[in-house]
Protein backbone atom coordinates (compact mmCIF):
# COMPACT_ATOMS: atom_id res chain seq x y z
CA MET A 1 -82.99 144.32 -93.03
CA GLU A 2 -80.70 147.31 -92.60
CA ARG A 3 -77.21 146.59 -91.38
CA LYS A 4 -75.99 148.04 -88.12
CA ILE A 5 -73.76 151.10 -88.13
CA ARG A 6 -70.21 149.93 -87.44
CA VAL A 7 -68.06 152.08 -85.17
CA LEU A 8 -64.42 151.71 -84.19
CA ILE A 9 -63.49 153.22 -80.81
CA ALA A 10 -59.76 153.75 -80.34
CA LYS A 11 -57.29 155.25 -77.86
CA PRO A 12 -54.38 156.72 -79.85
CA GLY A 13 -51.05 157.49 -78.26
CA LEU A 14 -49.70 156.66 -74.83
CA ASP A 15 -52.80 157.59 -72.83
CA GLY A 16 -53.79 154.59 -70.73
CA HIS A 17 -57.06 155.91 -69.30
CA ASP A 18 -59.88 154.23 -71.15
CA ARG A 19 -62.98 154.42 -68.97
CA GLY A 20 -64.58 157.18 -71.08
CA ALA A 21 -63.92 155.28 -74.31
CA LYS A 22 -65.50 152.18 -72.82
CA VAL A 23 -68.55 154.17 -71.69
CA ILE A 24 -69.00 155.58 -75.21
CA ALA A 25 -68.51 152.14 -76.74
CA ARG A 26 -71.19 150.71 -74.45
CA ALA A 27 -73.60 153.58 -75.13
CA LEU A 28 -73.23 153.17 -78.89
CA SER A 29 -73.68 149.42 -78.56
CA ASP A 30 -76.79 149.94 -76.42
CA ALA A 31 -78.09 152.25 -79.16
CA GLY A 32 -77.89 149.36 -81.64
CA MET A 33 -74.53 149.99 -83.28
CA GLU A 34 -71.84 147.39 -83.79
CA VAL A 35 -68.80 148.59 -81.85
CA ILE A 36 -65.20 147.48 -82.15
CA TYR A 37 -62.93 148.65 -79.33
CA THR A 38 -59.20 148.49 -80.08
CA GLY A 39 -57.90 149.06 -76.57
CA ILE A 40 -55.27 151.51 -75.38
CA ARG A 41 -52.00 152.74 -76.86
CA GLN A 42 -52.82 152.39 -80.55
CA THR A 43 -50.80 154.17 -83.22
CA PRO A 44 -52.63 156.25 -85.83
CA GLU A 45 -51.49 153.68 -88.41
CA GLN A 46 -52.99 150.81 -86.42
CA ILE A 47 -56.26 152.69 -86.03
CA ALA A 48 -56.55 153.57 -89.71
CA ASN A 49 -55.66 150.04 -90.80
CA THR A 50 -58.14 148.47 -88.38
CA ALA A 51 -60.90 150.86 -89.47
CA ILE A 52 -60.38 149.91 -93.10
CA GLN A 53 -60.02 146.18 -92.43
CA GLU A 54 -63.20 146.17 -90.35
CA GLY A 55 -65.11 148.29 -92.86
CA VAL A 56 -66.46 150.64 -90.21
CA ASP A 57 -68.65 153.67 -90.89
CA MET A 58 -67.19 155.81 -88.12
CA VAL A 59 -64.05 156.09 -86.01
CA GLY A 60 -64.24 157.47 -82.49
CA LEU A 61 -61.00 158.65 -80.90
CA SER A 62 -60.41 159.34 -77.21
CA CYS A 63 -57.43 161.24 -75.90
CA LEU A 64 -56.72 162.48 -72.40
CA SER A 65 -52.99 163.08 -72.82
CA GLY A 66 -53.09 166.41 -74.65
CA ALA A 67 -51.77 164.92 -77.91
CA HIS A 68 -55.11 165.20 -79.74
CA ASN A 69 -53.87 168.02 -82.04
CA HIS A 70 -51.27 165.64 -83.43
CA LEU A 71 -52.97 162.24 -83.21
CA PHE A 72 -56.50 163.00 -84.43
CA PRO A 73 -55.42 164.77 -87.67
CA LYS A 74 -52.90 161.98 -88.30
CA VAL A 75 -55.67 159.35 -88.21
CA VAL A 76 -57.83 161.45 -90.55
CA GLN A 77 -54.92 161.96 -92.97
CA LEU A 78 -54.07 158.25 -93.00
CA LEU A 79 -57.69 157.35 -93.74
CA GLN A 80 -57.71 159.84 -96.62
CA ASP A 81 -54.38 158.53 -97.93
CA LYS A 82 -55.74 154.98 -97.88
CA GLY A 83 -58.91 155.88 -99.77
CA ALA A 84 -61.23 155.94 -96.75
CA GLY A 85 -61.65 159.70 -96.47
CA ASP A 86 -65.42 159.32 -96.41
CA MET A 87 -65.28 157.64 -92.99
CA HIS A 88 -66.69 159.87 -90.25
CA VAL A 89 -64.22 160.57 -87.44
CA PHE A 90 -65.18 162.00 -84.06
CA GLY A 91 -63.08 162.63 -81.00
CA GLY A 92 -63.33 163.34 -77.34
CA GLY A 93 -61.45 163.32 -74.10
CA ILE A 94 -59.80 166.34 -72.57
CA ILE A 95 -59.99 168.84 -75.42
CA PRO A 96 -59.44 172.48 -74.44
CA LEU A 97 -62.01 174.89 -75.91
CA ASP A 98 -59.23 176.72 -77.80
CA ASP A 99 -58.49 173.49 -79.69
CA ILE A 100 -62.05 173.04 -80.99
CA PRO A 101 -62.51 174.55 -84.46
CA ASP A 102 -65.40 176.98 -84.93
């Protein structure tokens, strides 16, 4: 039997609005994935450490505060520094089009 894809959903920074993250977590769970939701106001260090401890395949980040350009790369860098650079990271929230790489 194949194991389920494990996904960590996290809210980095001070943003306290988590409805979208919960909707994504539920949708991924409904699609058959194992989802771990960390809750709001997580530091990049907490997110990276939890992702590694839980052995997830992917990390989903949600940010509505405008701090995504700082927080998302920090999580990716910490995962790389800790030897987990092969983990897929995706993000969402309020991301202006100018901030999305081509």
